[in-house]
Amino acid sequence: MPLGHKFAHRVETVIAVDIEASKLHNLIHNAGIYGVANRILPLCMRMEEANRIRGDFCFCSPPWGGISYITSDLYSVAK
């Protein structure tokens, strides 16, 4: 079971943030299969925009493109 769905079995609300709407659509579809779709709030936005969201904890699962991300202008792994 994916991590987001495991969280949704233990907490009242999971806020799922992704820049790609298709990924959020898949998340909600899969959450329905696991019976937790009513506990997940999908938000389509960049993580930089999501910094105003408040919650009890934050779990981040950034995209992984290998060691080349160290020199990438697209993602900063130095922050």
Protein backbone atom coordinates (compact mmCIF):
# COMPACT_ATOMS: atom_id res chain seq x y z
CA MET A 1 0.00 0.00 0.00
CA PRO A 2 1.42 3.44 -0.91
CA LEU A 3 2.51 5.64 1.97
CA GLY A 4 -0.18 8.33 1.50
CA HIS A 5 -2.89 5.72 1.82
CA LYS A 6 -1.28 4.31 4.95
CA PHE A 7 -1.29 7.79 6.48
CA ALA A 8 -4.96 8.17 5.59
CA HIS A 9 -5.83 5.07 7.62
CA ARG A 10 -4.30 6.70 10.72
CA VAL A 11 -5.18 10.39 10.50
CA GLU A 12 -8.33 12.37 9.80
CA THR A 13 -7.07 14.22 6.72
CA VAL A 14 -4.11 13.85 4.38
CA ILE A 15 -3.31 16.86 2.21
CA ALA A 16 -1.69 15.64 -0.99
CA VAL A 17 0.22 18.23 -3.03
CA ASP A 18 1.50 17.66 -6.56
CA ILE A 19 2.11 19.87 -9.55
CA GLU A 20 0.67 17.24 -11.90
CA ALA A 21 -3.11 16.86 -11.82
CA SER A 22 -2.87 13.40 -13.38
CA LYS A 23 -0.87 12.14 -10.40
CA LEU A 24 -3.49 13.50 -8.01
CA HIS A 25 -6.22 11.87 -10.08
CA ASN A 26 -4.40 8.53 -9.80
CA LEU A 27 -3.94 9.06 -6.06
CA ILE A 28 -7.67 9.61 -5.51
CA HIS A 29 -8.51 6.62 -7.70
CA ASN A 30 -6.17 4.40 -5.67
CA ALA A 31 -7.40 5.90 -2.40
CA GLY A 32 -10.89 4.79 -3.40
CA ILE A 33 -9.60 1.25 -3.81
CA TYR A 34 -8.14 1.40 -0.27
CA GLY A 35 -11.29 3.01 1.14
CA VAL A 36 -9.70 6.30 2.19
CA ALA A 37 -10.62 8.71 -0.63
CA ASN A 38 -12.79 10.74 1.75
CA ARG A 39 -9.72 11.43 3.93
CA ILE A 40 -7.46 12.84 1.19
CA LEU A 41 -7.54 16.47 0.05
CA PRO A 42 -5.69 16.79 -3.27
CA LEU A 43 -4.13 20.18 -4.10
CA CYS A 44 -2.60 20.82 -7.50
CA MET A 45 0.25 23.28 -6.88
CA ARG A 46 4.01 23.60 -6.57
CA MET A 47 5.49 22.79 -3.18
CA GLU A 48 6.76 26.37 -2.97
CA GLU A 49 3.13 27.52 -3.03
CA ALA A 50 2.10 24.95 -0.43
CA ASN A 51 4.24 26.44 2.34
CA ARG A 52 1.19 28.23 3.77
CA ILE A 53 -0.53 24.90 4.50
CA ARG A 54 -0.43 23.95 8.17
CA GLY A 55 -0.62 20.45 9.55
CA ASP A 56 0.65 18.20 12.28
CA PHE A 57 3.49 16.76 10.18
CA CYS A 58 4.83 16.81 6.64
CA PHE A 59 6.09 13.91 4.59
CA CYS A 60 7.86 14.80 1.35
CA SER A 61 8.57 12.38 -1.44
CA PRO A 62 10.37 14.43 -4.08
CA PRO A 63 10.96 13.10 -7.57
CA TRP A 64 14.23 11.28 -7.85
CA GLY A 65 16.36 11.65 -10.94
CA GLY A 66 19.62 10.34 -9.58
CA ILE A 67 22.83 12.04 -8.68
CA SER A 68 22.50 14.50 -11.60
CA TYR A 69 20.00 16.49 -9.47
CA ILE A 70 22.97 17.93 -7.57
CA THR A 71 23.81 20.13 -10.57
CA SER A 72 20.27 20.58 -11.91
CA ASP A 73 18.69 24.02 -12.20
CA LEU A 74 15.25 22.41 -11.98
CA TYR A 75 15.52 21.20 -8.38
CA SER A 76 17.68 22.48 -5.58
CA VAL A 77 18.90 19.77 -3.25
CA ALA A 78 21.11 22.25 -1.41
CA LYS A 79 18.29 23.94 0.52
